[in-house]
N, C-alpha and C. Protein backbone atom coordinates (compact mmCIF):
# COMPACT_ATOMS: atom_id res chain seq x y z
N UNK A 1 -55.97 58.11 1.79
CA UNK A 1 -55.44 57.23 0.76
C UNK A 1 -56.31 57.37 -0.50
N UNK A 2 -55.69 57.31 -1.66
CA UNK A 2 -56.48 57.35 -2.88
C UNK A 2 -57.44 56.17 -2.95
N UNK A 3 -58.58 56.41 -3.57
CA UNK A 3 -59.57 55.34 -3.69
C UNK A 3 -59.12 54.28 -4.69
N UNK A 4 -58.39 54.70 -5.70
CA UNK A 4 -57.94 53.77 -6.73
C UNK A 4 -56.41 53.75 -6.78
N UNK A 5 -55.87 52.58 -6.83
CA UNK A 5 -54.42 52.43 -6.97
C UNK A 5 -54.17 51.87 -8.37
N UNK A 6 -53.34 52.58 -9.12
CA UNK A 6 -53.00 52.08 -10.45
C UNK A 6 -52.19 50.79 -10.31
N UNK A 7 -52.36 49.88 -11.24
CA UNK A 7 -51.56 48.65 -11.18
C UNK A 7 -50.08 48.94 -11.43
N UNK A 8 -49.25 48.03 -10.97
CA UNK A 8 -47.82 48.15 -11.17
C UNK A 8 -47.52 48.19 -12.67
N UNK A 9 -46.69 49.15 -13.12
CA UNK A 9 -46.39 49.24 -14.55
C UNK A 9 -45.52 48.09 -15.04
N UNK A 10 -44.95 47.31 -14.14
CA UNK A 10 -44.06 46.23 -14.54
C UNK A 10 -44.74 44.86 -14.53
N UNK A 11 -45.55 44.59 -13.48
CA UNK A 11 -46.15 43.25 -13.38
C UNK A 11 -47.67 43.27 -13.38
N UNK A 12 -48.28 44.45 -13.24
CA UNK A 12 -49.74 44.55 -13.28
C UNK A 12 -50.44 44.34 -11.95
N UNK A 13 -49.71 44.07 -10.89
CA UNK A 13 -50.31 43.83 -9.57
C UNK A 13 -50.91 45.11 -9.00
N UNK A 14 -51.97 44.97 -8.22
CA UNK A 14 -52.54 46.11 -7.50
C UNK A 14 -52.29 45.98 -5.99
N UNK A 15 -51.46 45.05 -5.61
CA UNK A 15 -51.09 44.88 -4.20
C UNK A 15 -49.87 45.73 -3.91
N UNK A 16 -49.98 46.62 -2.92
CA UNK A 16 -48.87 47.52 -2.62
C UNK A 16 -48.62 47.55 -1.13
N UNK A 17 -47.43 47.98 -0.75
CA UNK A 17 -47.06 48.15 0.65
C UNK A 17 -46.24 49.43 0.77
N UNK A 18 -46.38 50.16 1.90
CA UNK A 18 -45.49 51.30 2.10
C UNK A 18 -44.09 50.79 2.40
N UNK A 19 -43.10 51.45 1.86
CA UNK A 19 -41.70 51.05 2.05
C UNK A 19 -40.96 52.21 2.69
N UNK A 20 -40.42 52.01 3.90
CA UNK A 20 -39.75 53.06 4.65
C UNK A 20 -38.23 52.89 4.54
N UNK A 21 -37.54 54.02 4.36
CA UNK A 21 -36.08 54.03 4.27
C UNK A 21 -35.55 55.12 5.18
N UNK A 22 -34.59 54.81 6.00
CA UNK A 22 -33.99 55.79 6.89
C UNK A 22 -32.61 56.15 6.38
N UNK A 23 -32.51 57.33 5.79
CA UNK A 23 -31.25 57.88 5.31
C UNK A 23 -31.03 59.19 6.06
N UNK A 24 -30.17 59.17 7.04
CA UNK A 24 -29.98 60.35 7.87
C UNK A 24 -29.67 61.55 7.01
N UNK A 25 -30.26 62.68 7.24
CA UNK A 25 -31.11 63.05 8.36
C UNK A 25 -32.59 62.82 8.10
N UNK A 26 -32.97 62.21 6.99
CA UNK A 26 -34.38 62.06 6.63
C UNK A 26 -34.81 60.60 6.62
N UNK A 27 -36.10 60.42 6.84
CA UNK A 27 -36.73 59.13 6.61
C UNK A 27 -37.71 59.34 5.47
N UNK A 28 -37.74 58.41 4.53
CA UNK A 28 -38.65 58.52 3.40
C UNK A 28 -39.58 57.33 3.35
N UNK A 29 -40.69 57.52 2.67
CA UNK A 29 -41.64 56.44 2.43
C UNK A 29 -41.99 56.46 0.95
N UNK A 30 -42.16 55.31 0.38
CA UNK A 30 -42.64 55.19 -1.00
C UNK A 30 -43.60 54.02 -1.05
N UNK A 31 -44.40 53.98 -2.10
CA UNK A 31 -45.31 52.86 -2.30
C UNK A 31 -44.57 51.84 -3.14
N UNK A 32 -44.60 50.59 -2.70
CA UNK A 32 -43.92 49.53 -3.42
C UNK A 32 -44.87 48.42 -3.81
N UNK A 33 -44.62 47.81 -4.95
CA UNK A 33 -45.41 46.67 -5.42
C UNK A 33 -45.06 45.46 -4.55
N UNK A 34 -46.08 44.82 -4.03
CA UNK A 34 -45.85 43.67 -3.16
C UNK A 34 -45.36 42.45 -3.93
N UNK A 35 -45.64 42.40 -5.23
CA UNK A 35 -45.26 41.23 -6.02
C UNK A 35 -43.86 41.32 -6.63
N UNK A 36 -43.51 42.48 -7.22
CA UNK A 36 -42.22 42.55 -7.91
C UNK A 36 -41.24 43.55 -7.28
N UNK A 37 -41.63 44.19 -6.18
CA UNK A 37 -40.78 45.13 -5.43
C UNK A 37 -40.46 46.43 -6.15
N UNK A 38 -41.17 46.78 -7.22
CA UNK A 38 -40.99 48.09 -7.85
C UNK A 38 -41.43 49.15 -6.84
N UNK A 39 -40.78 50.31 -6.85
CA UNK A 39 -41.12 51.38 -5.92
C UNK A 39 -41.37 52.68 -6.66
N UNK A 40 -42.31 53.46 -6.12
CA UNK A 40 -42.60 54.78 -6.65
C UNK A 40 -41.68 55.82 -6.04
N UNK A 41 -41.86 57.08 -6.41
CA UNK A 41 -41.02 58.16 -5.88
C UNK A 41 -41.16 58.31 -4.37
N UNK A 42 -40.06 58.61 -3.67
CA UNK A 42 -40.12 58.73 -2.21
C UNK A 42 -40.65 60.08 -1.75
N UNK A 43 -41.17 60.07 -0.51
CA UNK A 43 -41.65 61.28 0.16
C UNK A 43 -40.95 61.34 1.52
N UNK A 44 -40.42 62.51 1.89
CA UNK A 44 -39.78 62.68 3.20
C UNK A 44 -40.88 62.74 4.26
N UNK A 45 -40.69 62.00 5.35
CA UNK A 45 -41.71 61.96 6.40
C UNK A 45 -41.12 62.34 7.75
N UNK A 46 -42.04 62.67 8.65
CA UNK A 46 -41.71 62.85 10.06
C UNK A 46 -42.83 62.18 10.85
N UNK A 47 -42.66 62.03 12.13
CA UNK A 47 -43.70 61.39 12.94
C UNK A 47 -45.02 62.15 12.86
N UNK A 48 -44.94 63.47 12.71
CA UNK A 48 -46.15 64.29 12.67
C UNK A 48 -46.94 64.11 11.37
N UNK A 49 -46.26 63.77 10.28
CA UNK A 49 -46.97 63.70 9.00
C UNK A 49 -46.90 62.31 8.36
N UNK A 50 -46.78 61.29 9.16
CA UNK A 50 -46.61 59.92 8.65
C UNK A 50 -47.75 59.51 7.71
N UNK A 51 -49.00 59.64 8.14
CA UNK A 51 -50.14 59.24 7.31
C UNK A 51 -50.26 60.13 6.07
N UNK A 52 -50.00 61.42 6.22
CA UNK A 52 -50.03 62.34 5.09
C UNK A 52 -48.96 61.96 4.07
N UNK A 53 -47.77 61.59 4.56
CA UNK A 53 -46.68 61.21 3.66
C UNK A 53 -47.01 59.92 2.91
N UNK A 54 -47.63 58.96 3.58
CA UNK A 54 -48.03 57.72 2.90
C UNK A 54 -49.06 58.02 1.82
N UNK A 55 -50.02 58.90 2.12
CA UNK A 55 -51.03 59.29 1.13
C UNK A 55 -50.37 59.98 -0.07
N UNK A 56 -49.37 60.84 0.20
CA UNK A 56 -48.65 61.52 -0.89
C UNK A 56 -47.86 60.52 -1.73
N UNK A 57 -47.24 59.53 -1.08
CA UNK A 57 -46.51 58.50 -1.82
C UNK A 57 -47.46 57.71 -2.71
N UNK A 58 -48.66 57.48 -2.22
CA UNK A 58 -49.69 56.80 -3.00
C UNK A 58 -50.05 57.61 -4.25
N UNK A 59 -50.22 58.92 -4.07
CA UNK A 59 -50.52 59.81 -5.20
C UNK A 59 -49.38 59.77 -6.22
N UNK A 60 -48.14 59.80 -5.73
CA UNK A 60 -46.99 59.77 -6.64
C UNK A 60 -46.91 58.45 -7.39
N UNK A 61 -47.30 57.36 -6.76
CA UNK A 61 -47.34 56.05 -7.44
C UNK A 61 -48.31 56.12 -8.62
N UNK A 62 -49.43 56.81 -8.41
CA UNK A 62 -50.48 56.89 -9.43
C UNK A 62 -50.16 57.88 -10.55
N UNK A 63 -49.20 58.79 -10.35
CA UNK A 63 -48.90 59.79 -11.38
C UNK A 63 -47.91 59.22 -12.38
N UNK A 64 -48.43 58.78 -13.48
CA UNK A 64 -47.62 58.31 -14.61
C UNK A 64 -48.54 58.18 -15.81
N UNK A 65 -47.95 58.11 -16.95
CA UNK A 65 -48.74 58.05 -18.19
C UNK A 65 -48.94 56.63 -18.63
């Protein structure tokens, strides 16, 4: 997991939760703001790469200007 999580661009919160979505044939995970429910870009996951996918979703949450 990244050491630093950027605050939510909408509400400023630094509280986040992983958000899982099952859309056959894929399951995705994204990082979501716990306060306002904003979500970052999704990452396709499998049971083998679950933790890696969450870490990648975290990185994608942090990539913005």
